[in-house]
Amino acid sequence: MSTHPIEVTPGDARYDALRRGFNQRWIATPDSVVLASSADDVAAALRTYLARPAGSRRRITVRSGGHCYENFVSSPDVGVIVDVSGMNRVHFDPGMDAYCIEAGATNWDSTTQLYRTTGLALPGGSCYSVGLGGHVSGGGYGLLSRLFGLTVDYLYAVEVVTAADGRHPVRTVARKDAEDPALRDLWWAHTGGGGGNFGVITRYWFRGLPQPPAQVLLRAVAWDWQDFVDHPELFRSLVRRYGQFFEYEAAGRLPASPFRSYGYRDMFSLLKLTHISAGKVGLTVQLDGTKPDSPARLAAFLDWITADFRSGSTQLVREQPLDQAIGEHPAQGGLFIPTLLPWLTATQSLNDSGPNRCGKYKSAYLTRGFTDHQIEAIQRHLTAPGYSNPDALVQVDSYGGAVNDRAPGATAVPQRSSVLKLQYQVYWTWGVDADENGLFDYRDAELDPGIAAPHLRWIRDLYRDVHRPTGGVPVIADPDDPATRDANTDGCYINYPDVDLSDRHLNTSGQPWHRLYYKAGYERLQRVKQTWDPHDIFHHEQSVTVPR
């Protein structure tokens, strides 16, 4: 294997592309981007970096797929980016008795290579280009997760290039069943502790991977925003009943008719509550297509969440094709009629990452359906005058099922009782030629912060308003705290990082960012940090800190 990785430096034609990731808000000016093709390459790059005087070093960061939502990988203080995207091999490792997937593999790499050769799958995300280096280490979930759980529920071992002494890189393999408690802790930290904290992840090994359904049943529908303008109470009904469905399903409280014989663990849905300027609200649903009752279950679910759309013989809100892209997913007009597809084909048709643009994201776990306050706040900000952006939305993912079968401490993902996961999203392009050179590019945004300002203001105001009763954030419910004990929220998802959680003006809950991500597990993550990265070589704005 090579021990002399490729370095791309300023002046190289590739430099401008490799110093940025998916989110065009964040563009670094590193001394070099190191293209690693092996763990030895990573160790060599880290050895060179650590040989520099500590006082002269800017941060070293790691990129697999490039989908970090904040500037943890690309920012002005970054000196070296280690790009492991070339490490994308997938194979069975007989020595480990496990499937090995390198950290640079994308969701699509793992999907195609695993399924085509073995019939197995990792229950990962729906965006094909997300790299597993970060996706898995933050927990990882997707359309198979209600049926099979999270990606980390199958993680057996992880290889990390560490530098505990601050000088010498070491290839470390941490197994779930390691005799050394420090190694077991390092494994645990990579089951939801987030990326960029302890070292450079180079390989994962997975055991017991599930076999996805041979066929899945898909349907995508949309509803015209004008119908909700005419009948605003029906927008609230849709959101309320959607949340109630998964709350009741988890608690065994769905009404006997028509749900007595139906189970829904195999169903995953994404409700896209768009800004009114998008014109349509969308919904995508996937079920196991090999079950003969799947069409009936799909129809029963849609009838349940839209029950109030009919008044006698009058249809107040009509279904339409979802014939436009929303968020990070493509148009799905062809799925207006329930469609049976092979699982791999369906996965390919849903996979997308959207166009090149800037974005801001927030998240929330919900342990029950929406409160009236939350519904009204969402509706208010999606329809308020003064802001117009068809690429602004709240996506509500179904959650729970097999995810909640694991104990909260079994992995570093502590949210094991939620039924919904919210993704707050807003996208924009530069759109202003601030430097008057006849072009749109990132320099315009650097010169004119007003380009991003209205979009950031909108999503911050929305989030703060939705969670206003608990200090502007989705707090962890505490039975001993009268202010939070009745909360239906359970914190935030580390793979949708949000630096606003660290802002005391935006987060007045008294719960710090690390509690919202990790709950009580943060202290254990800090102990892992103390053991494996006590010199804090790997850090960013919301990285695990060395305990003091």
Protein backbone atom coordinates (compact mmCIF):
# COMPACT_ATOMS: atom_id res chain seq x y z
CA MET A 1 0.00 0.00 0.00
CA SER A 2 1.15 3.55 -0.72
CA THR A 3 2.71 5.53 2.12
CA HIS A 4 3.09 8.67 0.04
CA PRO A 5 -0.41 10.08 -0.37
CA ILE A 6 -1.18 12.63 -3.04
CA GLU A 7 -1.13 16.23 -1.85
CA VAL A 8 -3.13 18.89 -3.64
CA THR A 9 -1.92 22.41 -2.87
CA PRO A 10 -2.87 25.94 -3.99
CA GLY A 11 -2.19 26.35 -7.68
CA ASP A 12 -3.27 22.81 -8.51
CA ALA A 13 -6.32 22.79 -10.82
CA ARG A 14 -8.05 20.41 -8.38
CA TYR A 15 -7.54 22.58 -5.31
CA ASP A 16 -10.67 24.72 -5.62
CA ALA A 17 -12.90 21.65 -5.89
CA LEU A 18 -11.23 19.70 -3.09
CA ARG A 19 -11.18 22.45 -0.47
CA ARG A 20 -14.96 22.50 -0.24
CA GLY A 21 -17.69 19.95 0.42
CA PHE A 22 -21.39 19.64 -0.34
CA ASN A 23 -22.47 22.80 1.50
CA GLN A 24 -21.13 25.74 -0.51
CA ARG A 25 -21.23 27.98 2.57
CA TRP A 26 -17.98 26.45 3.77
CA ILE A 27 -14.84 26.85 1.69
CA ALA A 28 -11.43 26.45 3.32
CA THR A 29 -7.95 27.66 2.33
CA PRO A 30 -5.82 24.73 3.54
CA ASP A 31 -2.12 24.36 2.92
CA SER A 32 -2.97 21.02 1.35
CA VAL A 33 -5.67 18.47 0.72
CA VAL A 34 -4.25 14.98 1.23
CA LEU A 35 -5.84 12.25 -0.89
CA ALA A 36 -5.45 9.04 1.08
CA SER A 37 -5.98 5.59 -0.41
CA SER A 38 -5.05 3.54 2.68
CA ALA A 39 -4.66 3.75 6.43
CA ASP A 40 -0.90 3.99 5.84
CA ASP A 41 -1.51 7.10 3.74
CA VAL A 42 -3.56 8.59 6.57
CA ALA A 43 -0.83 7.80 9.09
CA ALA A 44 1.80 9.37 6.82
CA ALA A 45 -0.26 12.53 6.42
CA LEU A 46 -0.85 12.77 10.16
CA ARG A 47 2.85 12.13 10.89
CA THR A 48 3.84 15.00 8.59
CA TYR A 49 1.27 17.26 10.20
CA LEU A 50 2.38 16.45 13.77
CA ALA A 51 6.03 17.09 12.88
CA ARG A 52 5.22 20.78 12.45
CA PRO A 53 5.57 23.07 15.48
CA ALA A 54 2.28 23.03 17.37
CA GLY A 55 2.08 26.81 17.43
CA SER A 56 2.22 27.06 13.66
CA ARG A 57 -0.39 24.41 12.85
CA ARG A 58 -3.86 25.15 11.68
CA ARG A 59 -6.48 22.44 12.24
CA ILE A 60 -6.36 19.04 10.56
CA THR A 61 -9.75 17.75 9.44
CA VAL A 62 -11.14 14.72 7.63
CA ARG A 63 -13.54 14.38 4.70
CA SER A 64 -15.23 11.21 3.46
CA GLY A 65 -18.29 12.30 1.49
CA GLY A 66 -18.15 16.02 2.25
CA HIS A 67 -21.66 16.42 3.68
CA CYS A 68 -20.83 18.06 7.00
CA TYR A 69 -23.54 20.69 7.47
CA GLU A 70 -21.38 23.07 9.51
CA ASN A 71 -17.83 24.34 8.97
CA PHE A 72 -16.21 21.55 10.98
CA VAL A 73 -14.20 20.35 7.95
CA SER A 74 -13.87 23.51 5.83
CA SER A 75 -13.18 26.80 7.61
CA PRO A 76 -10.44 29.47 7.67
CA ASP A 77 -8.58 27.77 10.53
CA VAL A 78 -8.10 24.52 8.58
CA GLY A 79 -4.55 23.77 7.45
CA VAL A 80 -4.86 20.19 6.21
CA ILE A 81 -7.87 18.25 4.94
CA VAL A 82 -7.38 14.48 4.80
CA ASP A 83 -9.70 13.23 2.07
CA VAL A 84 -10.42 9.51 2.42
CA SER A 85 -12.99 9.33 -0.39
CA GLY A 86 -10.63 7.12 -2.39
CA MET A 87 -10.94 4.47 0.30
CA ASN A 88 -14.26 3.04 -0.84
CA ARG A 89 -13.77 -0.72 -0.93
CA VAL A 90 -16.35 -3.16 0.42
CA HIS A 91 -15.52 -6.83 1.07
CA PHE A 92 -15.95 -9.73 3.46
CA ASP A 93 -13.07 -10.05 5.92
CA PRO A 94 -12.78 -13.70 7.02
CA GLY A 95 -10.32 -12.79 9.77
CA MET A 96 -12.95 -10.58 11.36
CA ASP A 97 -15.88 -12.72 10.23
CA ALA A 98 -17.46 -9.42 9.22
CA TYR A 99 -18.08 -7.19 6.24
CA CYS A 100 -15.46 -4.47 5.91
CA ILE A 101 -16.44 -1.09 4.47
CA GLU A 102 -13.82 1.62 4.14
CA ALA A 103 -14.58 5.07 5.49
CA GLY A 104 -14.59 6.78 2.11
CA ALA A 105 -17.35 4.59 0.73
CA THR A 106 -20.59 6.43 0.10
CA ASN A 107 -24.07 5.21 0.86
CA TRP A 108 -24.32 4.22 -2.77
CA ASP A 109 -20.98 2.37 -2.70
CA SER A 110 -22.08 0.29 0.27
CA THR A 111 -25.56 -0.28 -1.16
CA THR A 112 -24.44 -1.50 -4.56
CA GLN A 113 -21.38 -3.45 -3.51
CA LEU A 114 -23.05 -5.20 -0.58
CA TYR A 115 -26.41 -5.95 -2.09
CA ARG A 116 -25.27 -7.09 -5.51
CA THR A 117 -22.79 -9.58 -4.10
CA THR A 118 -24.48 -10.69 -0.86
CA GLY A 119 -28.12 -9.61 -0.82
CA LEU A 120 -27.45 -7.72 2.42
CA ALA A 121 -27.66 -4.01 3.21
CA LEU A 122 -26.58 -1.41 5.70
CA PRO A 123 -29.68 0.54 6.85
CA GLY A 124 -28.14 3.88 5.84
CA GLY A 125 -29.36 7.18 4.50
CA SER A 126 -31.23 8.15 1.35
CA CYS A 127 -28.60 10.56 0.02
CA TYR A 128 -26.33 8.49 -2.21
CA SER A 129 -23.18 10.62 -1.91
CA VAL A 130 -22.93 10.83 1.89
CA GLY A 131 -19.67 9.23 3.06
CA LEU A 132 -19.84 6.47 5.64
CA GLY A 133 -16.90 7.87 7.60
CA GLY A 134 -19.19 10.48 9.12
CA HIS A 135 -22.57 8.87 8.50
CA VAL A 136 -21.89 5.76 10.58
CA SER A 137 -19.94 7.46 13.36
CA GLY A 138 -22.92 9.77 14.01
CA GLY A 139 -25.43 6.94 14.17
CA GLY A 140 -26.70 6.69 10.60
CA TYR A 141 -30.30 5.98 9.65
CA GLY A 142 -32.41 5.62 6.53
CA LEU A 143 -35.53 4.15 4.97
CA LEU A 144 -34.79 0.68 6.36
CA SER A 145 -34.20 1.83 9.93
CA ARG A 146 -37.71 1.34 11.30
CA LEU A 147 -37.42 -2.25 10.11
CA PHE A 148 -33.79 -2.95 10.98
CA GLY A 149 -32.42 -0.19 13.23
CA LEU A 150 -29.46 2.18 12.84
CA THR A 151 -26.20 1.57 11.01
CA VAL A 152 -24.32 1.47 14.31
CA ASP A 153 -26.52 -1.35 15.58
CA TYR A 154 -24.48 -3.62 13.28
CA LEU A 155 -21.02 -2.17 13.93
CA TYR A 156 -18.56 -4.78 15.14
CA ALA A 157 -15.24 -2.94 14.83
CA VAL A 158 -13.66 0.28 13.64
CA GLU A 159 -10.13 1.13 12.55
CA VAL A 160 -8.95 4.59 13.60
CA VAL A 161 -5.60 6.27 13.09
CA THR A 162 -4.99 7.84 16.49
CA ALA A 163 -2.18 9.92 17.99
CA ALA A 164 -2.58 9.63 21.74
CA ASP A 165 0.96 10.83 22.44
CA GLY A 166 0.55 13.84 20.16
CA ARG A 167 3.45 12.80 17.92
CA HIS A 168 3.15 9.29 16.51
CA PRO A 169 0.14 8.05 14.53
CA VAL A 170 -1.04 4.53 15.38
CA ARG A 171 -3.47 2.33 13.47
CA THR A 172 -5.91 1.19 16.15
CA VAL A 173 -8.65 -1.41 15.71
CA ALA A 174 -11.37 -1.21 18.33
CA ARG A 175 -13.80 -4.14 18.58
CA LYS A 176 -17.10 -4.43 20.36
CA ASP A 177 -15.80 -7.50 22.20
CA ALA A 178 -12.24 -6.28 22.86
CA GLU A 179 -10.69 -7.42 26.15
CA ASP A 180 -9.20 -3.96 26.73
CA PRO A 181 -11.89 -1.62 28.16
CA ALA A 182 -10.24 1.35 26.46
CA LEU A 183 -10.69 -0.30 23.08
CA ARG A 184 -14.30 -1.17 23.86
CA ASP A 185 -14.87 2.46 24.77
CA LEU A 186 -13.27 3.62 21.51
CA TRP A 187 -15.63 1.28 19.62
CA TRP A 188 -18.60 2.64 21.58
CA ALA A 189 -17.60 6.24 20.85
CA HIS A 190 -17.92 5.50 17.13
CA THR A 191 -21.49 4.23 17.49
CA GLY A 192 -22.94 7.75 17.52
CA GLY A 193 -20.29 10.02 19.01
CA GLY A 194 -19.82 11.90 15.75
CA GLY A 195 -16.85 12.33 13.44
CA GLY A 196 -13.72 14.42 13.89
CA ASN A 197 -13.32 13.70 17.59
CA PHE A 198 -10.81 10.94 18.29
CA GLY A 199 -8.78 10.25 15.14
CA VAL A 200 -9.19 9.45 11.46
CA ILE A 201 -11.62 6.61 10.76
CA THR A 202 -10.36 4.37 7.96
CA ARG A 203 -12.44 1.17 8.09
CA TYR A 204 -15.59 -0.25 9.63
CA TRP A 205 -16.60 -3.89 10.10
CA PHE A 206 -20.22 -4.99 10.36
CA ARG A 207 -21.83 -8.22 11.50
CA GLY A 208 -25.38 -9.54 11.23
CA LEU A 209 -26.38 -7.22 8.41
CA PRO A 210 -30.03 -7.57 7.36
CA GLN A 211 -31.52 -8.60 4.03
CA PRO A 212 -33.80 -5.88 2.67
CA PRO A 213 -37.13 -6.77 1.08
CA ALA A 214 -36.71 -8.01 -2.49
CA GLN A 215 -39.46 -5.59 -3.54
CA VAL A 216 -40.68 -2.37 -1.96
CA LEU A 217 -43.95 -0.52 -2.48
CA LEU A 218 -43.55 3.21 -3.04
CA ARG A 219 -45.94 6.09 -3.27
CA ALA A 220 -45.32 9.83 -3.46
CA VAL A 221 -48.16 12.35 -3.21
CA ALA A 222 -48.45 16.09 -2.87
CA TRP A 223 -51.09 18.58 -1.81
CA ASP A 224 -51.49 22.07 -3.22
CA TRP A 225 -50.60 24.83 -0.77
CA GLN A 226 -53.55 26.87 -2.03
CA ASP A 227 -55.91 24.27 -0.58
CA PHE A 228 -54.26 24.76 2.81
CA VAL A 229 -54.54 28.53 2.42
CA ASP A 230 -58.26 28.08 1.83
CA HIS A 231 -58.51 25.59 4.70
CA PRO A 232 -55.64 26.33 7.14
CA GLU A 233 -57.13 23.99 9.72
CA LEU A 234 -56.47 21.09 7.34
CA PHE A 235 -52.73 21.79 7.24
CA ARG A 236 -52.77 21.54 11.02
CA SER A 237 -54.83 18.36 10.79
CA LEU A 238 -52.31 16.74 8.43
CA VAL A 239 -49.35 17.49 10.68
CA ARG A 240 -51.21 16.49 13.83
CA ARG A 241 -52.53 13.21 12.46
CA TYR A 242 -49.18 12.31 10.87
CA GLY A 243 -47.49 12.66 14.24
CA GLN A 244 -50.28 10.86 16.05
CA PHE A 245 -50.06 7.91 13.69
CA PHE A 246 -46.49 7.10 14.69
CA GLU A 247 -47.09 7.94 18.34
CA TYR A 248 -50.08 5.60 18.47
CA GLU A 249 -48.35 2.93 16.38
CA ALA A 250 -45.43 2.84 18.82
CA ALA A 251 -47.76 2.64 21.82
CA GLY A 252 -50.12 0.07 20.28
CA ARG A 253 -52.94 2.60 20.28
CA LEU A 254 -54.01 2.66 16.64
CA PRO A 255 -57.75 2.06 16.39
CA ALA A 256 -58.85 -1.52 15.87
CA SER A 257 -60.42 -0.69 12.54
CA PRO A 258 -58.73 -0.82 10.10
CA PHE A 259 -55.40 -1.41 11.84
CA ARG A 260 -56.11 -4.48 13.98
CA SER A 261 -54.13 -6.89 11.81
CA TYR A 262 -51.63 -4.41 10.41
CA GLY A 263 -48.07 -3.78 11.47
CA TYR A 264 -46.06 -0.83 10.19
CA ARG A 265 -42.45 -1.39 11.17
CA ASP A 266 -41.55 -1.88 7.54
CA MET A 267 -42.95 1.52 6.57
CA PHE A 268 -40.80 4.64 6.37
CA SER A 269 -42.22 8.00 5.34
CA LEU A 270 -40.96 11.52 4.75
CA LEU A 271 -43.43 14.38 5.10
CA LYS A 272 -42.06 17.52 3.47
CA LEU A 273 -43.65 20.64 4.94
CA THR A 274 -42.42 23.19 2.45
CA HIS A 275 -42.56 26.95 2.47
CA ILE A 276 -45.75 28.13 0.80
CA SER A 277 -43.75 29.52 -2.14
CA ALA A 278 -42.91 25.92 -3.16
CA GLY A 279 -46.55 25.44 -4.11
CA LYS A 280 -46.89 21.90 -2.79
CA VAL A 281 -46.47 19.90 0.40
CA GLY A 282 -45.06 16.43 -0.30
CA LEU A 283 -45.04 12.91 1.15
CA THR A 284 -43.01 9.83 0.19
CA VAL A 285 -43.78 6.38 1.63
CA GLN A 286 -41.91 3.07 1.35
CA LEU A 287 -43.13 -0.34 2.60
CA ASP A 288 -42.06 -3.96 2.24
CA GLY A 289 -43.56 -4.87 -1.13
CA THR A 290 -43.36 -8.62 -0.56
CA LYS A 291 -46.21 -8.54 1.95
CA PRO A 292 -49.59 -9.10 0.31
CA ASP A 293 -51.31 -6.56 2.57
CA SER A 294 -48.90 -3.70 1.77
CA PRO A 295 -51.26 -1.91 -0.67
CA ALA A 296 -54.03 -2.01 1.94
CA ARG A 297 -51.71 -0.80 4.67
CA LEU A 298 -50.49 2.06 2.49
CA ALA A 299 -54.06 3.09 1.69
CA ALA A 300 -55.07 2.87 5.36
CA PHE A 301 -52.15 5.07 6.42
CA LEU A 302 -52.94 7.73 3.83
CA ASP A 303 -56.62 7.63 4.73
CA TRP A 304 -55.74 8.08 8.38
CA ILE A 305 -53.51 11.14 8.00
CA THR A 306 -55.89 12.82 5.51
CA ALA A 307 -59.15 11.88 7.22
CA ASP A 308 -60.23 15.51 7.57
CA PHE A 309 -59.59 16.37 3.92
CA ARG A 310 -63.11 15.21 3.04
CA SER A 311 -66.35 16.87 4.06
CA GLY A 312 -69.20 14.61 3.06
CA SER A 313 -68.84 14.08 -0.67
CA THR A 314 -66.57 17.12 -1.09
CA GLN A 315 -62.80 16.69 -1.32
CA LEU A 316 -61.37 19.86 0.26
CA VAL A 317 -57.72 18.97 -0.36
CA ARG A 318 -56.86 16.84 -3.37
CA GLU A 319 -53.89 14.56 -3.93
CA GLN A 320 -51.52 15.53 -6.71
CA PRO A 321 -48.30 14.09 -8.11
CA LEU A 322 -45.10 15.05 -6.31
CA ASP A 323 -43.63 16.32 -9.57
CA GLN A 324 -41.01 18.71 -8.20
CA ALA A 325 -37.79 18.35 -6.26
CA ILE A 326 -38.07 19.16 -2.56
CA GLY A 327 -35.10 19.50 -0.23
CA GLU A 328 -32.50 16.90 -1.11
CA HIS A 329 -34.88 14.55 -2.94
CA PRO A 330 -35.79 14.59 -6.63
CA ALA A 331 -39.24 14.90 -8.18
CA GLN A 332 -41.24 11.66 -7.81
CA GLY A 333 -44.21 12.28 -10.09
CA GLY A 334 -44.01 8.73 -11.42
CA LEU A 335 -44.81 7.35 -7.97
CA PHE A 336 -48.24 8.97 -7.75
CA ILE A 337 -49.70 5.54 -8.53
CA PRO A 338 -48.45 3.00 -5.94
CA THR A 339 -45.43 1.40 -7.55
CA LEU A 340 -43.72 -1.93 -6.85
CA LEU A 341 -39.97 -1.89 -7.50
CA PRO A 342 -36.96 -4.04 -6.60
CA TRP A 343 -35.37 -2.60 -3.47
CA LEU A 344 -32.14 -1.65 -5.22
CA THR A 345 -34.00 0.09 -8.04
CA ALA A 346 -36.17 1.98 -5.58
CA THR A 347 -33.15 3.03 -3.56
CA GLN A 348 -31.48 4.36 -6.69
CA SER A 349 -34.57 6.32 -7.72
CA LEU A 350 -34.90 8.04 -4.33
CA ASN A 351 -31.20 8.82 -3.90
CA ASP A 352 -30.14 12.40 -4.53
CA SER A 353 -28.32 15.25 -2.82
CA GLY A 354 -29.77 18.27 -4.59
CA PRO A 355 -27.91 20.89 -6.63
CA ASN A 356 -24.84 22.86 -5.55
CA ARG A 357 -25.99 25.49 -3.06
CA CYS A 358 -25.63 26.84 0.45
CA GLY A 359 -27.64 25.47 3.34
CA LYS A 360 -28.45 25.64 7.02
CA TYR A 361 -29.94 22.75 8.99
CA LYS A 362 -31.42 21.96 12.39
CA SER A 363 -32.94 18.86 13.95
CA ALA A 364 -35.21 17.54 16.66
CA TYR A 365 -36.28 14.16 17.99
CA LEU A 366 -39.94 13.84 19.01
CA THR A 367 -41.07 11.16 21.45
CA ARG A 368 -44.73 11.91 20.78
CA GLY A 369 -46.73 13.67 18.11
CA PHE A 370 -46.73 17.45 17.67
CA THR A 371 -48.18 19.84 20.21
CA ASP A 372 -50.64 22.48 19.05
CA HIS A 373 -48.00 25.12 19.69
CA GLN A 374 -45.46 23.34 17.47
CA ILE A 375 -47.95 22.88 14.64
CA GLU A 376 -49.09 26.49 14.73
CA ALA A 377 -45.51 27.78 14.81
CA ILE A 378 -44.54 25.66 11.81
CA GLN A 379 -47.58 26.84 9.88
CA ARG A 380 -46.95 30.46 10.81
CA HIS A 381 -43.37 30.49 9.53
CA LEU A 382 -44.13 28.51 6.38
CA THR A 383 -46.77 31.06 5.39
CA ALA A 384 -45.66 34.36 6.92
CA PRO A 385 -45.26 37.26 4.47
CA GLY A 386 -41.85 38.87 4.06
CA TYR A 387 -39.93 35.74 3.16
CA SER A 388 -40.20 33.62 0.03
CA ASN A 389 -38.07 30.57 -0.68
CA PRO A 390 -39.33 27.32 -2.24
CA ASP A 391 -36.25 25.57 -0.83
CA ALA A 392 -37.19 26.15 2.81
CA LEU A 393 -38.91 23.31 4.64
CA VAL A 394 -39.41 21.12 7.68
CA GLN A 395 -39.02 17.44 6.76
CA VAL A 396 -40.64 15.06 9.22
CA ASP A 397 -39.22 11.53 9.05
CA SER A 398 -40.97 8.57 10.62
CA TYR A 399 -38.77 7.02 13.28
CA GLY A 400 -38.86 4.42 16.03
CA GLY A 401 -39.61 0.78 15.28
CA ALA A 402 -36.43 -1.30 15.47
CA VAL A 403 -34.43 1.84 16.33
CA ASN A 404 -36.11 1.84 19.72
CA ASP A 405 -35.40 -1.82 20.43
CA ARG A 406 -31.89 -0.97 21.64
CA ALA A 407 -31.16 0.35 25.11
CA PRO A 408 -30.09 4.03 25.18
CA GLY A 409 -26.61 3.15 26.48
CA ALA A 410 -25.92 0.28 24.08
CA THR A 411 -24.51 2.76 21.59
CA ALA A 412 -23.55 6.42 21.78
CA VAL A 413 -26.92 7.28 20.19
CA PRO A 414 -29.08 7.81 23.29
CA GLN A 415 -32.34 8.72 21.52
CA ARG A 416 -34.06 5.35 21.57
CA SER A 417 -37.65 6.33 22.33
CA SER A 418 -38.49 8.80 19.55
CA VAL A 419 -41.21 8.32 16.94
CA LEU A 420 -40.35 11.25 14.66
CA LYS A 421 -37.18 12.99 13.55
CA LEU A 422 -37.41 16.55 12.26
CA GLN A 423 -35.04 18.04 9.72
CA TYR A 424 -35.27 21.82 9.44
CA GLN A 425 -33.70 22.84 6.11
CA VAL A 426 -33.14 26.00 4.10
CA TYR A 427 -31.15 26.32 0.86
CA TRP A 428 -30.04 29.24 -1.25
CA THR A 429 -27.58 30.20 -3.95
CA TRP A 430 -25.33 33.25 -4.04
CA GLY A 431 -27.63 35.11 -6.43
CA VAL A 432 -25.88 38.49 -6.07
CA ASP A 433 -22.82 39.67 -7.99
CA ALA A 434 -21.36 41.49 -5.00
CA ASP A 435 -17.89 41.95 -6.51
CA GLU A 436 -19.37 43.05 -9.85
CA ASN A 437 -17.26 40.69 -11.94
CA GLY A 438 -20.20 39.35 -13.94
CA LEU A 439 -20.17 36.01 -12.08
CA PHE A 440 -21.82 34.32 -9.11
CA ASP A 441 -19.43 32.49 -6.78
CA TYR A 442 -18.50 32.12 -3.12
CA ARG A 443 -16.61 35.43 -3.13
CA ASP A 444 -19.93 37.22 -3.47
CA ALA A 445 -21.12 35.66 -0.21
CA GLU A 446 -17.85 36.63 1.51
CA LEU A 447 -18.32 40.26 0.47
CA ASP A 448 -22.06 40.43 1.13
CA PRO A 449 -23.32 38.64 4.26
CA GLY A 450 -26.76 39.93 3.34
CA ILE A 451 -27.02 37.07 0.82
CA ALA A 452 -27.34 34.47 3.59
CA ALA A 453 -28.91 36.68 6.26
CA PRO A 454 -32.63 36.32 5.41
CA HIS A 455 -32.36 32.54 5.14
CA LEU A 456 -30.48 32.17 8.40
CA ARG A 457 -32.91 34.50 10.12
CA TRP A 458 -35.90 32.54 8.83
CA ILE A 459 -34.72 29.11 10.00
CA ARG A 460 -33.50 30.44 13.35
CA ASP A 461 -36.79 32.22 14.00
CA LEU A 462 -38.77 29.14 12.98
CA TYR A 463 -36.77 26.79 15.21
CA ARG A 464 -36.80 29.11 18.19
CA ASP A 465 -40.55 29.63 17.83
CA VAL A 466 -41.39 25.92 17.47
CA HIS A 467 -39.40 25.14 20.61
CA ARG A 468 -40.10 28.38 22.47
CA PRO A 469 -41.75 26.67 25.49
CA THR A 470 -38.46 24.87 26.22
CA GLY A 471 -35.93 27.62 25.66
CA GLY A 472 -35.78 27.63 21.87
CA VAL A 473 -34.41 24.10 21.47
CA PRO A 474 -35.83 20.53 21.62
CA VAL A 475 -34.77 19.77 25.17
CA ILE A 476 -34.19 16.43 26.81
CA ALA A 477 -37.24 15.82 29.01
CA ASP A 478 -36.29 15.65 32.69
CA PRO A 479 -38.91 14.18 35.05
CA ASP A 480 -37.39 16.15 37.91
CA ASP A 481 -37.60 19.50 36.10
CA PRO A 482 -41.08 21.08 35.96
CA ALA A 483 -40.02 23.14 32.93
CA THR A 484 -39.13 20.11 30.75
CA ARG A 485 -40.74 17.01 32.24
CA ASP A 486 -43.71 17.16 29.86
CA ALA A 487 -41.63 17.93 26.76
CA ASN A 488 -42.21 15.72 23.72
CA THR A 489 -38.65 16.29 22.49
CA ASP A 490 -35.44 14.35 23.01
CA GLY A 491 -32.63 16.52 21.76
CA CYS A 492 -30.83 16.73 18.42
CA TYR A 493 -28.98 14.56 15.90
CA ILE A 494 -25.21 15.02 15.78
CA ASN A 495 -25.11 14.26 12.05
CA TYR A 496 -27.20 17.41 11.52
CA PRO A 497 -24.83 19.63 13.53
CA ASP A 498 -26.03 23.09 14.43
CA VAL A 499 -23.63 25.58 16.02
CA ASP A 500 -26.61 27.70 17.11
CA LEU A 501 -27.14 25.20 19.92
CA SER A 502 -24.00 26.68 21.49
CA ASP A 503 -25.37 30.23 21.30
CA ARG A 504 -26.83 31.32 24.64
CA HIS A 505 -29.04 33.85 22.92
CA LEU A 506 -30.63 31.17 20.75
CA ASN A 507 -30.53 28.35 23.31
CA THR A 508 -31.91 29.61 26.61
CA SER A 509 -32.91 26.16 27.87
CA GLY A 510 -29.99 25.68 30.24
CA GLN A 511 -29.16 22.41 28.43
CA PRO A 512 -25.79 22.66 26.62
CA TRP A 513 -25.28 21.47 23.07
CA HIS A 514 -23.57 18.26 24.15
CA ARG A 515 -26.53 17.22 26.30
CA LEU A 516 -28.89 17.80 23.38
CA TYR A 517 -26.77 15.51 21.19
CA TYR A 518 -25.52 12.91 23.65
CA LYS A 519 -27.58 13.21 26.85
CA ALA A 520 -25.76 11.50 29.75
CA GLY A 521 -23.32 9.76 27.40
CA TYR A 522 -21.18 12.85 26.96
CA GLU A 523 -19.06 12.17 30.04
CA ARG A 524 -18.12 8.75 28.69
CA LEU A 525 -17.21 10.33 25.35
CA GLN A 526 -14.99 12.77 27.21
CA ARG A 527 -13.18 9.90 28.91
CA VAL A 528 -12.57 8.34 25.49
CA LYS A 529 -11.22 11.68 24.30
CA GLN A 530 -8.88 11.83 27.30
CA THR A 531 -7.50 8.38 26.47
CA TRP A 532 -7.19 8.60 22.70
CA ASP A 533 -6.78 12.29 21.87
CA PRO A 534 -5.69 14.08 25.06
CA HIS A 535 -3.83 16.74 23.04
CA ASP A 536 -7.04 17.65 21.21
CA ILE A 537 -5.48 17.24 17.78
CA PHE A 538 -8.89 16.51 16.30
CA HIS A 539 -11.33 19.25 17.15
CA HIS A 540 -13.98 21.58 15.80
CA GLU A 541 -16.58 23.96 17.18
CA GLN A 542 -18.73 21.18 18.68
CA SER A 543 -16.20 18.40 19.15
CA VAL A 544 -15.95 16.31 22.28
CA THR A 545 -13.70 18.17 24.69
CA VAL A 546 -10.92 16.84 26.91
CA PRO A 547 -12.30 16.88 30.48
CA ARG A 548 -10.77 19.46 32.77
